[in-house]
Amino acid sequence: MRTYKFISKKQLEKRFILDREEGDKYSLKISNQTKPIVIKVPFLLNEDAAILAGLMPDGSLIKDLMRIYFHQKKDLNKIELFDQKIRRLFSRNILLFRKIDNMGATHTYVNSRTLANFFYYFLQIPKSDEEMRVPRWIFNSSNRVKKAYLKEAFDMEGTILKKLTEIRFVSKHMKFAINIKKLLL
């Protein structure tokens, strides 16, 4: 049996207005003027949450906590994975937008103050003006959750040399690289 870290209803009530939907599903919003997200409570910090967090080195949590961006040029399957995890964890009805920039990269984004706050305060994803780091809850999770996070982080920031002799992790954030090293150990 797998045990996961989780976010309790009591923890969520400190930041959000909660309304019970059905069963263990709750609607969360910051205020009556914001669009809700729907999650299961308690919210499990499982492999799906770890995958989403691991994708964020190629994403951006806008510093005003109004929007979440994710972009990819090389592997469009990662765009699909990001969209799938957002919908699975936070509601099938969440509105995701896509665009292709003039460099050929595909961007997907969510305009949701509620979701951005959830990412920041509970998934511990840093804002765009903060240094990237591994969320603390990843370190205290099961090996399966750690592996799910590392796989996506390496997919986003890792590279394999052509001679297949070395795998490198490249980041402009020293703290993030040190966190990854600690997590690998």
Protein backbone atom coordinates (compact mmCIF):
# COMPACT_ATOMS: atom_id res chain seq x y z
CA MET A 1 0.00 0.00 0.00
CA ARG A 2 1.35 3.42 -0.98
CA THR A 3 1.24 6.26 1.50
CA TYR A 4 1.41 9.83 0.28
CA LYS A 5 1.86 13.19 1.86
CA PHE A 6 -1.38 15.12 1.60
CA ILE A 7 -2.98 18.53 2.00
CA SER A 8 -5.85 18.48 4.47
CA LYS A 9 -9.13 20.36 4.39
CA LYS A 10 -7.96 22.36 7.42
CA GLN A 11 -4.80 23.48 5.57
CA LEU A 12 -6.82 24.46 2.48
CA GLU A 13 -9.29 26.49 4.54
CA LYS A 14 -6.47 28.83 5.59
CA ARG A 15 -6.13 30.10 1.98
CA PHE A 16 -9.34 29.21 0.13
CA ILE A 17 -13.11 29.24 0.38
CA LEU A 18 -14.21 25.58 0.15
CA ASP A 19 -17.60 24.29 -1.01
CA ARG A 20 -18.36 20.58 -1.03
CA GLU A 21 -19.25 19.34 -4.52
CA GLU A 22 -19.87 15.61 -4.13
CA GLY A 23 -18.19 12.90 -2.09
CA ASP A 24 -14.57 13.91 -1.50
CA LYS A 25 -14.56 16.65 -4.16
CA TYR A 26 -14.45 20.31 -3.14
CA SER A 27 -14.61 23.54 -5.05
CA LEU A 28 -11.85 25.98 -4.01
CA LYS A 29 -11.66 29.69 -4.72
CA ILE A 30 -9.83 32.66 -3.26
CA SER A 31 -12.84 34.97 -3.19
CA ASN A 32 -16.32 35.15 -4.63
CA GLN A 33 -14.83 36.97 -7.65
CA THR A 34 -12.45 34.17 -8.65
CA LYS A 35 -13.15 31.06 -10.67
CA PRO A 36 -12.98 27.85 -8.64
CA ILE A 37 -10.90 24.76 -9.13
CA VAL A 38 -12.23 21.34 -8.09
CA ILE A 39 -10.02 18.90 -6.20
CA LYS A 40 -10.29 15.79 -4.08
CA VAL A 41 -9.76 16.46 -0.38
CA PRO A 42 -7.47 15.45 1.15
CA PHE A 43 -5.32 16.36 -1.86
CA LEU A 44 -2.69 13.66 -2.37
CA LEU A 45 0.84 14.75 -3.19
CA ASN A 46 1.25 11.70 -5.41
CA GLU A 47 3.03 10.89 -8.68
CA ASP A 48 0.62 13.08 -10.70
CA ALA A 49 1.38 16.10 -8.51
CA ALA A 50 5.11 15.30 -8.71
CA ILE A 51 4.98 15.08 -12.51
CA LEU A 52 3.28 18.47 -12.69
CA ALA A 53 5.88 19.98 -10.35
CA GLY A 54 8.69 18.35 -12.35
CA LEU A 55 7.46 19.94 -15.57
CA MET A 56 7.62 23.46 -14.14
CA PRO A 57 11.27 24.21 -14.96
CA ASP A 58 9.87 24.77 -18.49
CA GLY A 59 6.90 26.59 -17.05
CA SER A 60 6.31 29.82 -15.25
CA LEU A 61 4.14 30.82 -12.35
CA ILE A 62 3.56 34.50 -13.07
CA LYS A 63 4.72 36.60 -10.12
CA ASP A 64 1.32 38.25 -9.55
CA LEU A 65 -0.17 34.74 -9.14
CA MET A 66 -2.74 35.25 -11.90
CA ARG A 67 -1.51 32.78 -14.55
CA ILE A 68 0.49 29.61 -15.11
CA TYR A 69 2.47 29.13 -18.34
CA PHE A 70 4.09 26.02 -19.75
CA HIS A 71 6.03 25.96 -23.02
CA GLN A 72 7.81 23.39 -25.14
CA LYS A 73 9.42 23.40 -28.55
CA LYS A 74 11.02 19.97 -28.83
CA ASP A 75 8.52 17.58 -27.24
CA LEU A 76 4.86 18.44 -27.75
CA ASN A 77 3.92 15.36 -25.71
CA LYS A 78 4.96 17.39 -22.66
CA ILE A 79 2.30 20.00 -23.52
CA GLU A 80 -0.27 17.19 -23.59
CA LEU A 81 1.07 15.77 -20.32
CA PHE A 82 0.85 19.18 -18.62
CA ASP A 83 -2.73 19.70 -19.83
CA GLN A 84 -3.72 16.16 -18.79
CA LYS A 85 -2.33 16.52 -15.26
CA ILE A 86 -3.96 19.94 -14.78
CA ARG A 87 -7.33 18.51 -15.81
CA ARG A 88 -6.91 15.30 -13.80
CA LEU A 89 -5.94 17.08 -10.58
CA PHE A 90 -7.92 20.34 -10.79
CA SER A 91 -11.07 19.77 -12.90
CA ARG A 92 -11.85 18.60 -16.38
CA ASN A 93 -13.61 21.92 -17.02
CA ILE A 94 -10.56 24.11 -16.45
CA LEU A 95 -9.94 26.41 -19.43
CA LEU A 96 -6.49 25.92 -20.99
CA PHE A 97 -5.25 28.17 -23.79
CA ARG A 98 -2.61 27.40 -26.44
CA LYS A 99 -0.53 29.48 -28.77
CA ILE A 100 2.54 29.02 -30.94
CA ASP A 101 5.14 31.79 -30.81
CA ASN A 102 7.26 33.08 -33.70
CA MET A 103 10.11 30.71 -32.65
CA GLY A 104 7.88 27.66 -33.07
CA ALA A 105 7.42 26.89 -29.36
CA THR A 106 3.98 25.84 -28.18
CA HIS A 107 2.66 27.54 -25.07
CA THR A 108 -0.23 26.43 -22.93
CA TYR A 109 -1.50 28.61 -20.14
CA VAL A 110 -4.19 28.87 -17.50
CA ASN A 111 -5.62 32.18 -16.34
CA SER A 112 -6.60 31.18 -12.81
CA ARG A 113 -5.71 33.10 -9.70
CA THR A 114 -7.00 30.21 -7.58
CA LEU A 115 -4.86 27.60 -9.36
CA ALA A 116 -1.76 29.84 -9.33
CA ASN A 117 -2.15 30.30 -5.57
CA PHE A 118 -2.54 26.54 -5.11
CA PHE A 119 0.65 25.97 -7.15
CA TYR A 120 2.56 28.52 -5.06
CA TYR A 121 1.36 27.81 -1.54
CA PHE A 122 0.68 24.07 -1.67
CA LEU A 123 2.72 22.57 -4.54
CA GLN A 124 5.53 25.01 -3.61
CA ILE A 125 6.26 26.02 -7.21
CA PRO A 126 8.33 29.24 -7.18
CA LYS A 127 7.09 32.39 -8.92
CA SER A 128 8.80 33.57 -12.09
CA ASP A 129 10.83 36.16 -10.17
CA GLU A 130 12.11 33.57 -7.66
CA GLU A 131 14.85 30.98 -7.97
CA MET A 132 13.72 27.52 -9.14
CA ARG A 133 13.90 24.85 -6.45
CA VAL A 134 12.62 21.36 -5.72
CA PRO A 135 9.45 21.55 -3.59
CA ARG A 136 10.10 20.50 0.04
CA TRP A 137 7.33 17.90 -0.01
CA ILE A 138 9.15 15.98 -2.76
CA PHE A 139 12.08 15.28 -0.40
CA ASN A 140 9.72 13.80 2.21
CA SER A 141 7.72 11.68 -0.23
CA SER A 142 8.02 8.04 -1.27
CA ASN A 143 10.64 6.94 -3.80
CA ARG A 144 7.92 6.56 -6.47
CA VAL A 145 7.00 10.24 -6.08
CA LYS A 146 10.67 11.30 -6.10
CA LYS A 147 11.27 9.27 -9.28
CA ALA A 148 8.24 10.80 -11.02
CA TYR A 149 9.54 14.29 -10.18
CA LEU A 150 13.12 13.53 -11.25
CA LYS A 151 12.03 12.00 -14.55
CA GLU A 152 10.18 15.15 -15.57
CA ALA A 153 12.85 17.51 -14.21
CA PHE A 154 15.49 15.66 -16.26
CA ASP A 155 13.22 15.68 -19.32
CA MET A 156 12.99 19.46 -18.94
CA GLU A 157 16.58 20.33 -17.98
CA GLY A 158 18.68 17.24 -18.71
CA THR A 159 20.71 16.28 -21.73
CA ILE A 160 22.45 13.09 -22.85
CA LEU A 161 25.77 13.44 -24.63
CA LYS A 162 25.91 12.10 -28.20
CA LYS A 163 28.42 9.41 -27.21
CA LEU A 164 25.91 8.21 -24.58
CA THR A 165 28.59 8.40 -21.92
CA GLU A 166 27.12 11.10 -19.73
CA ILE A 167 23.83 12.61 -18.61
CA ARG A 168 23.94 16.26 -17.63
CA PHE A 169 21.50 18.41 -15.75
CA VAL A 170 21.70 22.06 -16.79
CA SER A 171 20.07 24.89 -14.88
CA LYS A 172 20.77 28.56 -14.41
CA HIS A 173 19.60 28.16 -10.80
CA MET A 174 22.35 26.84 -8.52
CA LYS A 175 19.94 26.05 -5.68
CA PHE A 176 17.82 23.94 -8.04
CA ALA A 177 20.87 21.97 -9.26
CA ILE A 178 21.96 21.37 -5.66
CA ASN A 179 18.41 20.24 -4.75
CA ILE A 180 18.41 17.80 -7.68
CA LYS A 181 21.77 16.40 -6.55
CA LYS A 182 20.45 15.92 -2.99
CA LEU A 183 17.33 14.25 -4.31
CA LEU A 184 19.40 11.85 -6.44
CA LEU A 185 21.51 10.92 -3.43
